[in-house]
Amino acid sequence: MLKHLRGFLVAACMAVNAHAAPVLHVDAGQLLGANNVAVNGVNYNVQFKDGACASLLGQCGSSANFFFNNQSDAEAASHALLSSVFVDSAQGLFGSDPTLTNGCINTELCQVFTPFPPTPEGFPSFAIALNYAASVLTADTVQVYITNRPFGDTTNIPGYTYAVWSLTPVSEIPEPSTIWLAVLALALLAWKHSTQRS
């Protein structure tokens, strides 16, 4: 009996973690974005868009209103894209085929830019999620790009697109409370069963 309860507890915990996975937005095979992407313990929504940095994000040239306010957070966001959004699944081979991400038509690499505040000299700064095609045999990674030139419009650059981030509204965050209640009840039953046997 206790063995079965332990097995159920493990399965329930796995179900809770699966339930908290990002929800991908896919249209006609193209990955447009995702909801509930966890970055440093906070859930975010993200959209992948081509265009000018200032018009898409309202920033890039000044130090105000950046969604991620430092390099570390912007890099964490880029790593979250690689580990939980650009992955192969039943919805699409988004980890293996960079052309499936909105704004990227380069067959070898999609570079997804998340800006953070510029340097004191005013140089635009970005963390970039590098999502390589499976055929390239190069591991996905995150780079930091700081440029002393104006950088903005990705529309005509085949392998570049922006990550446009926002906080996930509380109403959209998965609440697996029913599963947790079941897990708690079964844990108490297992504990009670084990104390009665000793």
N, C-alpha and C. Protein backbone atom coordinates (compact mmCIF):
# COMPACT_ATOMS: atom_id res chain seq x y z
N MET A 1 0.83 -1.19 0.00
CA MET A 1 0.00 0.00 0.00
C MET A 1 0.88 1.26 0.00
N LEU A 2 1.87 1.29 0.91
CA LEU A 2 2.74 2.45 1.01
C LEU A 2 3.53 2.63 -0.29
N LYS A 3 3.94 1.54 -0.89
CA LYS A 3 4.68 1.59 -2.15
C LYS A 3 3.85 2.25 -3.24
N HIS A 4 2.55 1.91 -3.30
CA HIS A 4 1.66 2.50 -4.30
C HIS A 4 1.45 3.99 -4.03
N LEU A 5 1.34 4.36 -2.74
CA LEU A 5 1.16 5.77 -2.40
C LEU A 5 2.38 6.60 -2.81
N ARG A 6 3.55 6.05 -2.56
CA ARG A 6 4.77 6.76 -2.96
C ARG A 6 4.81 6.95 -4.47
N GLY A 7 4.45 5.91 -5.20
CA GLY A 7 4.41 6.01 -6.67
C GLY A 7 3.44 7.08 -7.13
N PHE A 8 2.28 7.14 -6.47
CA PHE A 8 1.29 8.16 -6.84
C PHE A 8 1.80 9.56 -6.52
N LEU A 9 2.49 9.71 -5.39
CA LEU A 9 3.02 11.01 -5.02
C LEU A 9 4.03 11.50 -6.04
N VAL A 10 4.91 10.62 -6.49
CA VAL A 10 5.90 10.99 -7.51
C VAL A 10 5.19 11.39 -8.80
N ALA A 11 4.19 10.60 -9.21
CA ALA A 11 3.46 10.92 -10.44
C ALA A 11 2.71 12.24 -10.32
N ALA A 12 2.14 12.50 -9.15
CA ALA A 12 1.40 13.74 -8.95
C ALA A 12 2.33 14.95 -9.01
N CYS A 13 3.50 14.82 -8.40
CA CYS A 13 4.46 15.92 -8.45
C CYS A 13 4.92 16.19 -9.88
N MET A 14 5.11 15.12 -10.65
CA MET A 14 5.49 15.29 -12.05
C MET A 14 4.37 15.97 -12.82
N ALA A 15 3.13 15.62 -12.51
CA ALA A 15 1.99 16.24 -13.18
C ALA A 15 1.91 17.73 -12.87
N VAL A 16 2.20 18.09 -11.63
CA VAL A 16 2.19 19.51 -11.26
C VAL A 16 3.24 20.26 -12.05
N ASN A 17 4.46 19.69 -12.13
CA ASN A 17 5.52 20.36 -12.87
C ASN A 17 5.20 20.47 -14.35
N ALA A 18 4.58 19.44 -14.93
CA ALA A 18 4.20 19.48 -16.34
C ALA A 18 3.13 20.54 -16.56
N HIS A 19 2.22 20.66 -15.59
CA HIS A 19 1.14 21.63 -15.72
C HIS A 19 1.68 23.05 -15.74
N ALA A 20 2.82 23.26 -15.13
CA ALA A 20 3.39 24.60 -15.04
C ALA A 20 4.27 24.94 -16.24
N ALA A 21 4.35 24.06 -17.23
CA ALA A 21 5.18 24.31 -18.41
C ALA A 21 4.61 25.47 -19.21
N PRO A 22 5.47 26.17 -19.96
CA PRO A 22 4.97 27.27 -20.79
C PRO A 22 3.91 26.80 -21.79
N VAL A 23 3.00 27.71 -22.10
CA VAL A 23 1.97 27.46 -23.11
C VAL A 23 2.43 28.16 -24.38
N LEU A 24 2.71 27.38 -25.42
CA LEU A 24 3.22 27.94 -26.66
C LEU A 24 2.09 28.49 -27.52
N HIS A 25 2.37 29.60 -28.21
CA HIS A 25 1.42 30.16 -29.17
C HIS A 25 1.93 29.86 -30.57
N VAL A 26 1.22 28.98 -31.25
CA VAL A 26 1.64 28.52 -32.57
C VAL A 26 0.51 28.80 -33.56
N ASP A 27 0.85 29.38 -34.70
CA ASP A 27 -0.13 29.65 -35.75
C ASP A 27 0.47 29.21 -37.08
N ALA A 28 -0.23 28.29 -37.77
CA ALA A 28 0.22 27.77 -39.06
C ALA A 28 1.66 27.26 -38.97
N GLY A 29 2.00 26.62 -37.86
CA GLY A 29 3.33 26.03 -37.68
C GLY A 29 4.39 26.99 -37.19
N GLN A 30 4.08 28.29 -37.08
CA GLN A 30 5.04 29.28 -36.62
C GLN A 30 4.88 29.54 -35.13
N LEU A 31 6.00 29.55 -34.41
CA LEU A 31 6.01 29.85 -32.98
C LEU A 31 5.99 31.37 -32.82
N LEU A 32 4.87 31.89 -32.33
CA LEU A 32 4.69 33.33 -32.17
C LEU A 32 5.10 33.83 -30.79
N GLY A 33 5.10 32.91 -29.80
CA GLY A 33 5.44 33.30 -28.44
C GLY A 33 5.02 32.23 -27.46
N ALA A 34 4.98 32.58 -26.18
CA ALA A 34 4.61 31.63 -25.14
C ALA A 34 4.15 32.38 -23.90
N ASN A 35 3.30 31.73 -23.13
CA ASN A 35 2.87 32.25 -21.83
C ASN A 35 3.48 31.39 -20.72
N ASN A 36 3.60 31.98 -19.54
CA ASN A 36 4.06 31.27 -18.35
C ASN A 36 5.50 30.75 -18.48
N VAL A 37 6.37 31.60 -19.00
CA VAL A 37 7.79 31.26 -19.08
C VAL A 37 8.44 31.70 -17.77
N ALA A 38 8.97 30.75 -17.02
CA ALA A 38 9.55 31.06 -15.71
C ALA A 38 10.97 31.61 -15.86
N VAL A 39 11.19 32.81 -15.30
CA VAL A 39 12.51 33.44 -15.27
C VAL A 39 12.77 33.87 -13.84
N ASN A 40 13.76 33.25 -13.21
CA ASN A 40 14.09 33.56 -11.81
C ASN A 40 12.87 33.48 -10.90
N GLY A 41 12.02 32.48 -11.11
CA GLY A 41 10.87 32.24 -10.24
C GLY A 41 9.66 33.10 -10.53
N VAL A 42 9.69 33.90 -11.58
CA VAL A 42 8.55 34.75 -11.96
C VAL A 42 8.07 34.32 -13.34
N ASN A 43 6.75 34.29 -13.54
CA ASN A 43 6.20 33.90 -14.84
C ASN A 43 6.01 35.11 -15.75
N TYR A 44 6.43 34.92 -17.02
CA TYR A 44 6.34 35.97 -18.03
C TYR A 44 5.66 35.42 -19.28
N ASN A 45 5.08 36.34 -20.04
CA ASN A 45 4.64 36.04 -21.40
C ASN A 45 5.67 36.65 -22.35
N VAL A 46 5.84 36.05 -23.52
CA VAL A 46 6.79 36.56 -24.49
C VAL A 46 6.20 36.40 -25.89
N GLN A 47 6.49 37.39 -26.74
CA GLN A 47 6.12 37.32 -28.14
C GLN A 47 7.38 37.52 -28.97
N PHE A 48 7.46 36.84 -30.12
CA PHE A 48 8.60 36.99 -31.02
C PHE A 48 8.15 37.86 -32.19
N LYS A 49 8.81 39.03 -32.34
CA LYS A 49 8.38 40.00 -33.33
C LYS A 49 9.57 40.62 -34.05
N ASP A 50 9.38 40.85 -35.33
CA ASP A 50 10.34 41.60 -36.12
C ASP A 50 9.94 43.06 -36.13
N GLY A 51 10.92 43.92 -36.31
CA GLY A 51 10.63 45.35 -36.41
C GLY A 51 11.71 46.17 -35.75
N ALA A 52 11.39 47.43 -35.52
CA ALA A 52 12.34 48.35 -34.89
C ALA A 52 12.25 48.22 -33.38
N CYS A 53 13.40 48.20 -32.74
CA CYS A 53 13.47 48.02 -31.29
C CYS A 53 12.61 49.05 -30.56
N ALA A 54 12.75 50.32 -30.94
CA ALA A 54 12.03 51.39 -30.23
C ALA A 54 10.52 51.25 -30.38
N SER A 55 10.05 50.86 -31.57
CA SER A 55 8.60 50.76 -31.76
C SER A 55 8.02 49.50 -31.11
N LEU A 56 8.79 48.42 -31.08
CA LEU A 56 8.31 47.18 -30.47
C LEU A 56 8.37 47.23 -28.96
N LEU A 57 9.43 47.83 -28.44
CA LEU A 57 9.71 47.73 -27.02
C LEU A 57 9.68 49.07 -26.29
N GLY A 58 9.63 50.16 -27.05
CA GLY A 58 9.61 51.47 -26.42
C GLY A 58 10.90 51.80 -25.69
N GLN A 59 11.99 51.22 -26.12
CA GLN A 59 13.28 51.41 -25.45
C GLN A 59 14.42 51.12 -26.39
N CYS A 60 15.54 50.76 -25.89
CA CYS A 60 16.78 50.40 -26.59
C CYS A 60 17.75 51.56 -26.65
N GLY A 61 17.28 52.80 -26.70
CA GLY A 61 18.19 53.92 -26.78
C GLY A 61 18.33 54.69 -25.48
N SER A 62 17.47 54.44 -24.51
CA SER A 62 17.55 55.17 -23.24
C SER A 62 17.63 54.16 -22.11
N SER A 63 17.80 54.65 -20.90
CA SER A 63 17.95 53.73 -19.77
C SER A 63 16.64 53.52 -19.01
N ALA A 64 15.54 54.04 -19.55
CA ALA A 64 14.25 53.94 -18.84
C ALA A 64 13.39 52.82 -19.41
N ASN A 65 12.55 52.26 -18.56
CA ASN A 65 11.48 51.34 -18.98
C ASN A 65 11.93 50.03 -19.61
N PHE A 66 13.05 49.51 -19.22
CA PHE A 66 13.45 48.19 -19.71
C PHE A 66 12.75 47.12 -18.89
N PHE A 67 12.34 46.05 -19.58
CA PHE A 67 11.62 45.01 -18.85
C PHE A 67 12.56 44.26 -17.91
N PHE A 68 13.75 43.92 -18.40
CA PHE A 68 14.78 43.33 -17.55
C PHE A 68 15.84 44.41 -17.35
N ASN A 69 16.09 44.77 -16.10
CA ASN A 69 16.87 45.96 -15.82
C ASN A 69 18.37 45.73 -15.66
N ASN A 70 18.82 44.50 -15.89
CA ASN A 70 20.26 44.27 -15.83
C ASN A 70 20.63 43.07 -16.71
N GLN A 71 21.90 42.94 -16.95
CA GLN A 71 22.38 41.89 -17.84
C GLN A 71 22.03 40.50 -17.32
N SER A 72 22.18 40.28 -16.02
CA SER A 72 21.92 38.97 -15.44
C SER A 72 20.49 38.51 -15.69
N ASP A 73 19.52 39.39 -15.48
CA ASP A 73 18.12 39.03 -15.69
C ASP A 73 17.81 38.79 -17.16
N ALA A 74 18.38 39.63 -18.03
CA ALA A 74 18.16 39.45 -19.47
C ALA A 74 18.75 38.12 -19.94
N GLU A 75 19.92 37.76 -19.41
CA GLU A 75 20.51 36.47 -19.76
C GLU A 75 19.66 35.31 -19.24
N ALA A 76 19.13 35.45 -18.02
CA ALA A 76 18.26 34.41 -17.47
C ALA A 76 17.02 34.22 -18.34
N ALA A 77 16.47 35.32 -18.84
CA ALA A 77 15.31 35.24 -19.73
C ALA A 77 15.67 34.51 -21.01
N SER A 78 16.84 34.79 -21.56
CA SER A 78 17.28 34.12 -22.79
C SER A 78 17.51 32.64 -22.56
N HIS A 79 18.10 32.29 -21.41
CA HIS A 79 18.27 30.86 -21.09
C HIS A 79 16.92 30.16 -20.94
N ALA A 80 15.94 30.86 -20.37
CA ALA A 80 14.60 30.26 -20.22
C ALA A 80 13.98 29.97 -21.59
N LEU A 81 14.22 30.84 -22.56
CA LEU A 81 13.71 30.57 -23.91
C LEU A 81 14.31 29.29 -24.47
N LEU A 82 15.62 29.14 -24.30
CA LEU A 82 16.29 27.96 -24.86
C LEU A 82 15.87 26.68 -24.16
N SER A 83 15.64 26.75 -22.85
CA SER A 83 15.36 25.52 -22.10
C SER A 83 13.88 25.13 -22.09
N SER A 84 12.98 26.11 -22.26
CA SER A 84 11.56 25.75 -22.12
C SER A 84 10.66 26.18 -23.26
N VAL A 85 11.16 26.98 -24.20
CA VAL A 85 10.32 27.42 -25.33
C VAL A 85 10.85 26.87 -26.64
N PHE A 86 12.15 27.04 -26.91
CA PHE A 86 12.73 26.52 -28.14
C PHE A 86 13.09 25.04 -27.94
N VAL A 87 12.06 24.23 -27.85
CA VAL A 87 12.23 22.79 -27.65
C VAL A 87 11.36 22.06 -28.66
N ASP A 88 11.76 20.85 -28.99
CA ASP A 88 10.96 20.02 -29.88
C ASP A 88 9.82 19.39 -29.10
N SER A 89 8.61 19.48 -29.66
CA SER A 89 7.44 18.89 -29.00
C SER A 89 6.43 18.50 -30.07
N ALA A 90 5.28 18.02 -29.63
CA ALA A 90 4.22 17.66 -30.56
C ALA A 90 3.72 18.88 -31.33
N GLN A 91 3.93 20.08 -30.78
CA GLN A 91 3.47 21.30 -31.46
C GLN A 91 4.40 21.75 -32.57
N GLY A 92 5.65 21.27 -32.55
CA GLY A 92 6.59 21.66 -33.59
C GLY A 92 8.03 21.43 -33.15
N LEU A 93 8.92 21.40 -34.13
CA LEU A 93 10.34 21.16 -33.85
C LEU A 93 11.05 22.51 -33.65
N PHE A 94 10.61 23.25 -32.64
CA PHE A 94 11.09 24.60 -32.42
C PHE A 94 12.53 24.65 -31.90
N GLY A 95 13.02 23.55 -31.38
CA GLY A 95 14.41 23.49 -30.96
C GLY A 95 15.34 23.13 -32.10
N SER A 96 14.83 22.39 -33.08
CA SER A 96 15.66 21.88 -34.17
C SER A 96 15.63 22.74 -35.43
N ASP A 97 14.54 23.49 -35.62
CA ASP A 97 14.35 24.24 -36.86
C ASP A 97 14.12 25.71 -36.55
N PRO A 98 15.16 26.55 -36.67
CA PRO A 98 15.01 27.96 -36.32
C PRO A 98 14.02 28.73 -37.20
N THR A 99 13.74 28.22 -38.41
CA THR A 99 12.80 28.94 -39.28
C THR A 99 11.36 28.87 -38.78
N LEU A 100 11.10 28.05 -37.77
CA LEU A 100 9.75 27.94 -37.23
C LEU A 100 9.44 29.02 -36.20
N THR A 101 10.43 29.82 -35.83
CA THR A 101 10.21 30.92 -34.89
C THR A 101 9.89 32.18 -35.68
N ASN A 102 8.83 32.86 -35.30
CA ASN A 102 8.40 34.06 -36.00
C ASN A 102 9.53 35.08 -36.11
N GLY A 103 9.76 35.57 -37.33
CA GLY A 103 10.81 36.55 -37.56
C GLY A 103 12.13 35.97 -38.01
N CYS A 104 12.28 34.65 -37.95
CA CYS A 104 13.54 34.01 -38.33
C CYS A 104 13.33 33.15 -39.58
N ILE A 105 14.08 33.47 -40.62
CA ILE A 105 14.02 32.64 -41.82
C ILE A 105 15.39 32.08 -42.18
N ASN A 106 16.36 32.26 -41.31
CA ASN A 106 17.68 31.68 -41.49
C ASN A 106 17.59 30.19 -41.13
N THR A 107 18.04 29.33 -42.02
CA THR A 107 17.89 27.89 -41.80
C THR A 107 18.87 27.32 -40.78
N GLU A 108 19.89 28.10 -40.40
CA GLU A 108 20.89 27.59 -39.47
C GLU A 108 20.77 28.13 -38.06
N LEU A 109 20.27 29.37 -37.91
CA LEU A 109 20.32 30.00 -36.60
C LEU A 109 19.25 31.07 -36.46
N CYS A 110 18.57 31.07 -35.33
CA CYS A 110 17.67 32.16 -34.96
C CYS A 110 18.26 32.86 -33.74
N GLN A 111 18.44 34.18 -33.84
CA GLN A 111 18.99 34.97 -32.73
C GLN A 111 17.86 35.84 -32.17
N VAL A 112 17.51 35.59 -30.92
CA VAL A 112 16.37 36.27 -30.30
C VAL A 112 16.90 37.26 -29.26
N PHE A 113 16.63 38.55 -29.48
CA PHE A 113 17.21 39.65 -28.71
C PHE A 113 16.30 40.08 -27.57
N THR A 114 16.86 40.09 -26.36
CA THR A 114 16.21 40.67 -25.19
C THR A 114 17.07 41.83 -24.72
N PRO A 115 16.57 43.08 -24.84
CA PRO A 115 17.40 44.22 -24.45
C PRO A 115 17.44 44.44 -22.95
N PHE A 116 18.52 45.05 -22.50
CA PHE A 116 18.61 45.52 -21.12
C PHE A 116 19.25 46.90 -21.17
N PRO A 117 19.24 47.67 -20.08
CA PRO A 117 19.68 49.07 -20.16
C PRO A 117 21.07 49.23 -20.76
N PRO A 118 21.24 50.30 -21.55
CA PRO A 118 22.52 50.53 -22.21
C PRO A 118 23.63 50.85 -21.23
N THR A 119 24.84 50.81 -21.73
CA THR A 119 26.02 51.15 -20.94
C THR A 119 25.97 52.64 -20.56
N PRO A 120 26.80 53.05 -19.59
CA PRO A 120 26.83 54.48 -19.24
C PRO A 120 27.11 55.39 -20.44
N GLU A 121 27.79 54.84 -21.45
CA GLU A 121 28.07 55.62 -22.66
C GLU A 121 26.88 55.66 -23.61
N GLY A 122 25.82 54.90 -23.26
CA GLY A 122 24.62 54.90 -24.10
C GLY A 122 24.61 53.81 -25.16
N PHE A 123 25.50 52.81 -25.06
CA PHE A 123 25.53 51.75 -26.06
C PHE A 123 24.39 50.76 -25.81
N PRO A 124 23.58 50.47 -26.82
CA PRO A 124 22.50 49.49 -26.64
C PRO A 124 23.07 48.11 -26.27
N SER A 125 22.34 47.41 -25.39
CA SER A 125 22.82 46.13 -24.85
C SER A 125 21.72 45.08 -24.95
N PHE A 126 22.12 43.86 -25.32
CA PHE A 126 21.16 42.79 -25.53
C PHE A 126 21.71 41.46 -25.02
N ALA A 127 20.83 40.64 -24.47
CA ALA A 127 21.12 39.22 -24.28
C ALA A 127 20.46 38.51 -25.46
N ILE A 128 21.17 37.58 -26.05
CA ILE A 128 20.67 36.92 -27.26
C ILE A 128 20.61 35.42 -27.05
N ALA A 129 19.41 34.85 -27.24
CA ALA A 129 19.25 33.40 -27.24
C ALA A 129 19.60 32.90 -28.64
N LEU A 130 20.63 32.07 -28.75
CA LEU A 130 21.05 31.52 -30.04
C LEU A 130 20.50 30.12 -30.18
N ASN A 131 19.49 29.98 -31.04
CA ASN A 131 18.83 28.70 -31.27
C ASN A 131 19.30 28.15 -32.61
N TYR A 132 20.22 27.18 -32.56
CA TYR A 132 20.80 26.60 -33.77
C TYR A 132 19.94 25.46 -34.31
N ALA A 133 19.99 25.29 -35.62
CA ALA A 133 19.34 24.14 -36.25
C ALA A 133 20.06 22.87 -35.83
N ALA A 134 19.30 21.77 -35.75
CA ALA A 134 19.89 20.49 -35.35
C ALA A 134 21.01 20.09 -36.30
N SER A 135 20.88 20.43 -37.58
CA SER A 135 21.88 20.04 -38.57
C SER A 135 23.22 20.76 -38.40
N VAL A 136 23.25 21.86 -37.66
CA VAL A 136 24.48 22.63 -37.48
C VAL A 136 25.41 21.98 -36.46
N LEU A 137 24.85 21.18 -35.57
CA LEU A 137 25.62 20.47 -34.54
C LEU A 137 26.39 21.43 -33.63
N THR A 138 25.76 22.56 -33.33
CA THR A 138 26.32 23.53 -32.38
C THR A 138 25.32 23.68 -31.25
N ALA A 139 25.80 23.67 -30.02
CA ALA A 139 24.90 23.77 -28.88
C ALA A 139 24.29 25.16 -28.78
N ASP A 140 23.01 25.22 -28.47
CA ASP A 140 22.35 26.49 -28.22
C ASP A 140 23.03 27.18 -27.04
N THR A 141 23.07 28.50 -27.09
CA THR A 141 23.73 29.24 -26.03
C THR A 141 23.17 30.65 -25.94
N VAL A 142 23.66 31.41 -24.96
CA VAL A 142 23.27 32.80 -24.79
C VAL A 142 24.51 33.67 -24.90
N GLN A 143 24.40 34.76 -25.67
CA GLN A 143 25.49 35.72 -25.81
C GLN A 143 25.01 37.09 -25.35
N VAL A 144 25.95 37.95 -25.04
CA VAL A 144 25.64 39.34 -24.75
C VAL A 144 26.23 40.19 -25.86
N TYR A 145 25.43 41.12 -26.36
CA TYR A 145 25.85 41.98 -27.46
C TYR A 145 25.71 43.43 -27.02
N ILE A 146 26.82 44.14 -27.01
CA ILE A 146 26.82 45.57 -26.70
C ILE A 146 27.45 46.27 -27.90
N THR A 147 26.73 47.23 -28.47
CA THR A 147 27.19 47.86 -29.70
C THR A 147 27.29 49.37 -29.53
N ASN A 148 28.26 49.97 -30.20
CA ASN A 148 28.39 51.42 -30.17
C ASN A 148 27.72 52.07 -31.38
N ARG A 149 26.97 51.25 -32.12
CA ARG A 149 26.23 51.76 -33.28
C ARG A 149 24.74 51.63 -33.02
N PRO A 150 23.94 52.44 -33.68
CA PRO A 150 22.49 52.27 -33.54
C PRO A 150 22.09 50.87 -34.01
N PHE A 151 21.29 50.22 -33.22
CA PHE A 151 20.81 48.88 -33.60
C PHE A 151 19.31 48.88 -33.42
N GLY A 152 18.60 48.48 -34.43
CA GLY A 152 17.16 48.56 -34.26
C GLY A 152 16.34 47.60 -35.06
N ASP A 153 16.22 47.80 -36.34
CA ASP A 153 15.21 47.11 -37.12
C ASP A 153 15.69 45.73 -37.58
N THR A 154 14.95 44.70 -37.18
CA THR A 154 15.30 43.32 -37.56
C THR A 154 14.51 42.83 -38.77
N THR A 155 13.66 43.67 -39.32
CA THR A 155 12.74 43.22 -40.38
C THR A 155 13.47 42.56 -41.53
N ASN A 156 14.57 43.13 -41.97
CA ASN A 156 15.27 42.60 -43.14
C ASN A 156 16.50 41.79 -42.79
N ILE A 157 16.59 41.35 -41.54
CA ILE A 157 17.71 40.49 -41.13
C ILE A 157 17.15 39.09 -40.88
N PRO A 158 17.46 38.13 -41.75
CA PRO A 158 16.77 36.83 -41.73
C PRO A 158 16.80 36.06 -40.42
N GLY A 159 17.90 36.16 -39.66
CA GLY A 159 18.02 35.34 -38.46
C GLY A 159 17.84 36.08 -37.16
N TYR A 160 17.33 37.32 -37.20
CA TYR A 160 17.17 38.12 -35.98
C TYR A 160 15.70 38.38 -35.71
N THR A 161 15.32 38.32 -34.43
CA THR A 161 13.98 38.73 -34.02
C THR A 161 14.05 39.18 -32.56
N TYR A 162 13.04 39.90 -32.13
CA TYR A 162 13.00 40.39 -30.75
C TYR A 162 12.10 39.52 -29.88
N ALA A 163 12.46 39.42 -28.62
CA ALA A 163 11.58 38.85 -27.59
C ALA A 163 10.92 40.03 -26.89
N VAL A 164 9.61 40.12 -27.01
CA VAL A 164 8.85 41.19 -26.36
C VAL A 164 8.20 40.59 -25.12
N TRP A 165 8.68 40.96 -23.95
CA TRP A 165 8.28 40.35 -22.68
C TRP A 165 7.21 41.15 -21.97
N SER A 166 6.41 40.45 -21.16
CA SER A 166 5.45 41.09 -20.25
C SER A 166 5.22 40.14 -19.09
N LEU A 167 4.78 40.67 -17.97
CA LEU A 167 4.45 39.81 -16.84
C LEU A 167 3.21 39.00 -17.15
N THR A 168 3.19 37.75 -16.74
CA THR A 168 1.99 36.93 -16.90
C THR A 168 0.94 37.42 -15.91
N PRO A 169 -0.26 37.81 -16.38
CA PRO A 169 -1.30 38.20 -15.43
C PRO A 169 -1.62 37.07 -14.47
N VAL A 170 -1.93 37.41 -13.24
CA VAL A 170 -2.19 36.40 -12.20
C VAL A 170 -3.28 35.44 -12.66
N SER A 171 -4.26 35.94 -13.40
CA SER A 171 -5.38 35.08 -13.85
C SER A 171 -4.92 34.00 -14.82
N GLU A 172 -3.75 34.18 -15.46
CA GLU A 172 -3.26 33.20 -16.43
C GLU A 172 -2.30 32.19 -15.82
N ILE A 173 -1.83 32.42 -14.60
CA ILE A 173 -0.86 31.51 -13.99
C ILE A 173 -1.57 30.23 -13.58
N PRO A 174 -1.06 29.07 -14.02
CA PRO A 174 -1.71 27.82 -13.65
C PRO A 174 -1.76 27.65 -12.14
N GLU A 175 -2.91 27.19 -11.64
CA GLU A 175 -3.05 26.96 -10.21
C GLU A 175 -3.40 25.49 -9.97
N PRO A 176 -2.39 24.66 -9.82
CA PRO A 176 -2.63 23.23 -9.64
C PRO A 176 -3.00 22.90 -8.19
N SER A 177 -3.89 23.71 -7.59
CA SER A 177 -4.20 23.53 -6.17
C SER A 177 -4.88 22.20 -5.89
N THR A 178 -5.71 21.73 -6.81
CA THR A 178 -6.39 20.45 -6.59
C THR A 178 -5.39 19.31 -6.51
N ILE A 179 -4.40 19.33 -7.39
CA ILE A 179 -3.38 18.28 -7.37
C ILE A 179 -2.59 18.35 -6.07
N TRP A 180 -2.23 19.58 -5.65
CA TRP A 180 -1.46 19.72 -4.42
C TRP A 180 -2.25 19.24 -3.21
N LEU A 181 -3.56 19.48 -3.19
CA LEU A 181 -4.38 18.98 -2.08
C LEU A 181 -4.38 17.45 -2.06
N ALA A 182 -4.47 16.85 -3.25
CA ALA A 182 -4.43 15.39 -3.32
C ALA A 182 -3.08 14.86 -2.86
N VAL A 183 -2.01 15.52 -3.28
CA VAL A 183 -0.67 15.12 -2.86
C VAL A 183 -0.53 15.21 -1.35
N LEU A 184 -1.01 16.31 -0.77
CA LEU A 184 -0.93 16.49 0.67
C LEU A 184 -1.72 15.41 1.41
N ALA A 185 -2.94 15.14 0.94
CA ALA A 185 -3.77 14.12 1.59
C ALA A 185 -3.10 12.75 1.53
N LEU A 186 -2.54 12.40 0.37
CA LEU A 186 -1.88 11.10 0.25
C LEU A 186 -0.59 11.04 1.07
N ALA A 187 0.11 12.15 1.17
CA ALA A 187 1.31 12.17 2.00
C ALA A 187 0.95 11.94 3.46
N LEU A 188 -0.15 12.56 3.91
CA LEU A 188 -0.60 12.34 5.29
C LEU A 188 -1.02 10.89 5.51
N LEU A 189 -1.70 10.32 4.53
CA LEU A 189 -2.09 8.91 4.64
C LEU A 189 -0.86 8.01 4.70
N ALA A 190 0.13 8.31 3.86
CA ALA A 190 1.35 7.50 3.85
C ALA A 190 2.08 7.63 5.19
N TRP A 191 2.16 8.85 5.71
CA TRP A 191 2.83 9.07 6.99
C TRP A 191 2.08 8.33 8.10
N LYS A 192 0.75 8.42 8.11
CA LYS A 192 -0.05 7.74 9.13
C LYS A 192 0.14 6.24 9.05
N HIS A 193 0.15 5.71 7.80
CA HIS A 193 0.31 4.26 7.60
C HIS A 193 1.68 3.82 8.12
N SER A 194 2.72 4.63 7.85
CA SER A 194 4.07 4.23 8.27
C SER A 194 4.23 4.31 9.79
N THR A 195 3.57 5.27 10.47
CA THR A 195 3.68 5.38 11.93
C THR A 195 2.90 4.28 12.62
N GLN A 196 1.82 3.80 12.00
CA GLN A 196 1.04 2.73 12.61
C GLN A 196 1.79 1.40 12.54
N ARG A 197 2.64 1.24 11.53
CA ARG A 197 3.36 -0.02 11.39
C ARG A 197 4.55 -0.09 12.33
N SER A 198 5.04 1.06 12.81
CA SER A 198 6.24 1.02 13.67
C SER A 198 5.89 0.96 15.13
